[in-house]
Amino acid sequence: MASGTSAPPPPASLPRIVAASLIGTTIEWYDNSFDRG
């Protein structure tokens, strides 16, 4: 984590966090499906 604070992120950044995890999951799923052939 880049931030040194232990407080949860403000609600304004929640959509960005959700989008980031969705993108990460999609990339991982893409990688795995391509690895299979």
Protein backbone atom coordinates (compact mmCIF):
# COMPACT_ATOMS: atom_id res chain seq x y z
CA MET A 1 0.00 0.00 0.00
CA ALA A 2 1.32 3.43 -0.89
CA SER A 3 -0.48 5.29 1.89
CA GLY A 4 0.89 5.11 5.42
CA THR A 5 -2.48 5.75 7.06
CA SER A 6 -4.58 2.96 8.50
CA ALA A 7 -7.87 4.80 7.91
CA PRO A 8 -10.22 3.37 5.28
CA PRO A 9 -10.39 5.21 1.96
CA PRO A 10 -13.03 7.93 1.58
CA PRO A 11 -16.26 6.90 -0.15
CA ALA A 12 -15.31 9.08 -3.14
CA SER A 13 -12.50 6.68 -4.08
CA LEU A 14 -14.68 3.57 -3.70
CA PRO A 15 -15.69 3.40 -7.40
CA ARG A 16 -12.01 3.62 -8.36
CA ILE A 17 -11.15 0.75 -6.00
CA VAL A 18 -14.00 -1.38 -7.35
CA ALA A 19 -12.98 -0.63 -10.94
CA ALA A 20 -9.35 -1.46 -10.17
CA SER A 21 -10.21 -4.84 -8.64
CA LEU A 22 -12.56 -5.63 -11.52
CA ILE A 23 -9.85 -4.78 -14.06
CA GLY A 24 -7.29 -6.83 -12.13
CA THR A 25 -9.63 -9.81 -11.98
CA THR A 26 -10.42 -9.52 -15.68
CA ILE A 27 -6.74 -9.40 -16.61
CA GLU A 28 -6.01 -12.42 -14.43
CA TRP A 29 -8.94 -14.34 -15.91
CA TYR A 30 -7.81 -13.36 -19.40
CA ASP A 31 -4.27 -14.54 -18.62
CA ASN A 32 -5.48 -17.87 -17.29
CA SER A 33 -7.81 -18.54 -20.23
CA PHE A 34 -5.02 -17.78 -22.69
CA ASP A 35 -2.62 -20.03 -20.79
CA ARG A 36 -5.00 -22.96 -21.34
CA GLY A 37 -4.80 -22.48 -25.07
